[in-house]
């Protein structure tokens, strides 16, 4: 993120409002009969491979793409996303 665009919003109170970002790793499209058979240890096949980027959304708006990462150190095992592509949100509003 460009620091000049962040600095330009210093007086805007909305910059301190938290938002929720949803990370989508893929979609599954099972038949209803297969959905009804799902149980613990069932495997639900997604439409993506492990090496394809994940998508980040705010609401239904795509804001970025990235790669899943595992944090190290005192947060070892926690998932994170390394951004590989960021959509210019201000232009798309």
C-alpha atoms as a PDB file:
ATOM      1  CA  UNK A   1       0.000   0.000   0.000  1.00  0.00           C
ATOM      2  CA  UNK A   2       1.347   3.433  -0.932  1.00  0.00           C
ATOM      3  CA  UNK A   3       2.090   5.429   2.246  1.00  0.00           C
ATOM      4  CA  UNK A   4       1.039   8.700   0.587  1.00  0.00           C
ATOM      5  CA  UNK A   5      -2.500   7.371   0.064  1.00  0.00           C
ATOM      6  CA  UNK A   6      -2.647   6.271   3.700  1.00  0.00           C
ATOM      7  CA  UNK A   7      -1.316   9.647   4.922  1.00  0.00           C
ATOM      8  CA  UNK A   8      -3.943  11.440   2.834  1.00  0.00           C
ATOM      9  CA  UNK A   9      -6.681   9.777   4.911  1.00  0.00           C
ATOM     10  CA  UNK A  10      -5.419  10.887   8.364  1.00  0.00           C
ATOM     11  CA  UNK A  11      -8.552  12.935   9.091  1.00  0.00           C
ATOM     12  CA  UNK A  12     -10.963  10.294   7.794  1.00  0.00           C
ATOM     13  CA  UNK A  13     -12.562   8.476  10.770  1.00  0.00           C
ATOM     14  CA  UNK A  14     -13.492   5.490   8.585  1.00  0.00           C
ATOM     15  CA  UNK A  15      -9.837   4.462   8.268  1.00  0.00           C
ATOM     16  CA  UNK A  16     -10.013   3.141  11.855  1.00  0.00           C
ATOM     17  CA  UNK A  17     -13.056   0.928  11.240  1.00  0.00           C
ATOM     18  CA  UNK A  18     -12.134  -2.783  11.163  1.00  0.00           C
ATOM     19  CA  UNK A  19     -13.244  -4.820   8.171  1.00  0.00           C
ATOM     20  CA  UNK A  20     -13.485  -8.540   7.596  1.00  0.00           C
ATOM     21  CA  UNK A  21     -11.536 -10.079   4.728  1.00  0.00           C
ATOM     22  CA  UNK A  22     -12.619 -13.500   3.490  1.00  0.00           C
ATOM     23  CA  UNK A  23      -9.950 -15.735   1.944  1.00  0.00           C
ATOM     24  CA  UNK A  24     -11.356 -18.153  -0.633  1.00  0.00           C
ATOM     25  CA  UNK A  25      -9.320 -21.284  -1.334  1.00  0.00           C
ATOM     26  CA  UNK A  26     -11.835 -22.701  -3.796  1.00  0.00           C
ATOM     27  CA  UNK A  27     -15.379 -23.896  -4.344  1.00  0.00           C
ATOM     28  CA  UNK A  28     -16.997 -27.310  -4.230  1.00  0.00           C
ATOM     29  CA  UNK A  29     -20.047 -28.241  -6.280  1.00  0.00           C
ATOM     30  CA  UNK A  30     -21.310 -31.593  -5.016  1.00  0.00           C
ATOM     31  CA  UNK A  31     -24.683 -33.018  -5.915  1.00  0.00           C
ATOM     32  CA  UNK A  32     -27.273 -32.761  -3.141  1.00  0.00           C
ATOM     33  CA  UNK A  33     -27.214 -36.562  -2.728  1.00  0.00           C
ATOM     34  CA  UNK A  34     -23.434 -36.404  -2.162  1.00  0.00           C
ATOM     35  CA  UNK A  35     -23.787 -33.469   0.223  1.00  0.00           C
ATOM     36  CA  UNK A  36     -26.234 -35.474   2.336  1.00  0.00           C
ATOM     37  CA  UNK A  37     -23.652 -38.272   2.627  1.00  0.00           C
ATOM     38  CA  UNK A  38     -20.894 -36.023   4.026  1.00  0.00           C
ATOM     39  CA  UNK A  39     -19.637 -37.096   7.424  1.00  0.00           C
ATOM     40  CA  UNK A  40     -16.553 -36.637   9.580  1.00  0.00           C
ATOM     41  CA  UNK A  41     -13.421 -37.529   7.553  1.00  0.00           C
ATOM     42  CA  UNK A  42     -15.250 -37.064   4.229  1.00  0.00           C
ATOM     43  CA  UNK A  43     -13.201 -35.324   1.553  1.00  0.00           C
ATOM     44  CA  UNK A  44     -14.789 -32.483  -0.372  1.00  0.00           C
ATOM     45  CA  UNK A  45     -12.986 -31.831  -3.653  1.00  0.00           C
ATOM     46  CA  UNK A  46     -12.355 -28.179  -4.530  1.00  0.00           C
ATOM     47  CA  UNK A  47     -12.063 -26.614  -7.966  1.00  0.00           C
ATOM     48  CA  UNK A  48      -8.449 -25.495  -7.407  1.00  0.00           C
ATOM     49  CA  UNK A  49      -5.057 -27.056  -6.934  1.00  0.00           C
ATOM     50  CA  UNK A  50      -2.829 -26.365  -3.942  1.00  0.00           C
ATOM     51  CA  UNK A  51      -0.439 -24.204  -5.978  1.00  0.00           C
ATOM     52  CA  UNK A  52      -3.125 -21.845  -7.344  1.00  0.00           C
ATOM     53  CA  UNK A  53      -3.575 -18.445  -5.674  1.00  0.00           C
ATOM     54  CA  UNK A  54      -6.255 -17.819  -3.076  1.00  0.00           C
ATOM     55  CA  UNK A  55      -8.621 -14.865  -3.469  1.00  0.00           C
ATOM     56  CA  UNK A  56      -9.297 -12.188  -0.851  1.00  0.00           C
ATOM     57  CA  UNK A  57     -12.723 -10.554  -0.678  1.00  0.00           C
ATOM     58  CA  UNK A  58     -14.331  -7.734   1.254  1.00  0.00           C
ATOM     59  CA  UNK A  59     -17.999  -8.581   0.966  1.00  0.00           C
ATOM     60  CA  UNK A  60     -18.327  -9.836  -2.594  1.00  0.00           C
ATOM     61  CA  UNK A  61     -15.586  -7.541  -3.965  1.00  0.00           C
ATOM     62  CA  UNK A  62     -12.274  -9.146  -4.940  1.00  0.00           C
ATOM     63  CA  UNK A  63      -9.464  -7.045  -3.445  1.00  0.00           C
ATOM     64  CA  UNK A  64      -6.355  -9.224  -3.850  1.00  0.00           C
ATOM     65  CA  UNK A  65      -4.849 -12.621  -4.655  1.00  0.00           C
ATOM     66  CA  UNK A  66      -2.126 -14.403  -2.775  1.00  0.00           C
ATOM     67  CA  UNK A  67      -0.405 -17.561  -1.572  1.00  0.00           C
ATOM     68  CA  UNK A  68      -1.132 -19.367   1.672  1.00  0.00           C
ATOM     69  CA  UNK A  69       1.792 -19.304   4.092  1.00  0.00           C
ATOM     70  CA  UNK A  70       2.430 -20.836   7.485  1.00  0.00           C
ATOM     71  CA  UNK A  71       3.816 -18.436  10.078  1.00  0.00           C
ATOM     72  CA  UNK A  72       6.923 -19.339  12.059  1.00  0.00           C
ATOM     73  CA  UNK A  73       8.251 -18.523  15.512  1.00  0.00           C
ATOM     74  CA  UNK A  74       5.731 -17.947  18.290  1.00  0.00           C
ATOM     75  CA  UNK A  75       2.886 -18.107  15.744  1.00  0.00           C
ATOM     76  CA  UNK A  76       4.034 -21.363  14.134  1.00  0.00           C
ATOM     77  CA  UNK A  77       1.185 -23.239  12.516  1.00  0.00           C
ATOM     78  CA  UNK A  78      -0.978 -20.146  12.013  1.00  0.00           C
ATOM     79  CA  UNK A  79      -2.045 -19.483   8.429  1.00  0.00           C
ATOM     80  CA  UNK A  80      -1.369 -16.225   6.636  1.00  0.00           C
ATOM     81  CA  UNK A  81      -1.560 -14.948   3.056  1.00  0.00           C
ATOM     82  CA  UNK A  82       1.339 -13.446   1.108  1.00  0.00           C
ATOM     83  CA  UNK A  83      -0.245 -11.014  -1.356  1.00  0.00           C
ATOM     84  CA  UNK A  84       0.835 -11.501  -4.958  1.00  0.00           C
ATOM     85  CA  UNK A  85      -1.667  -9.161  -6.628  1.00  0.00           C
ATOM     86  CA  UNK A  86      -3.606  -6.241  -5.148  1.00  0.00           C
ATOM     87  CA  UNK A  87      -6.588  -4.699  -6.927  1.00  0.00           C
ATOM     88  CA  UNK A  88      -6.645  -0.894  -6.881  1.00  0.00           C
ATOM     89  CA  UNK A  89      -9.702  -0.524  -4.652  1.00  0.00           C
ATOM     90  CA  UNK A  90      -9.948   3.257  -4.982  1.00  0.00           C
ATOM     91  CA  UNK A  91     -10.201   3.043  -8.790  1.00  0.00           C
ATOM     92  CA  UNK A  92     -12.897   0.361  -8.643  1.00  0.00           C
ATOM     93  CA  UNK A  93     -15.201   2.281  -6.253  1.00  0.00           C
END
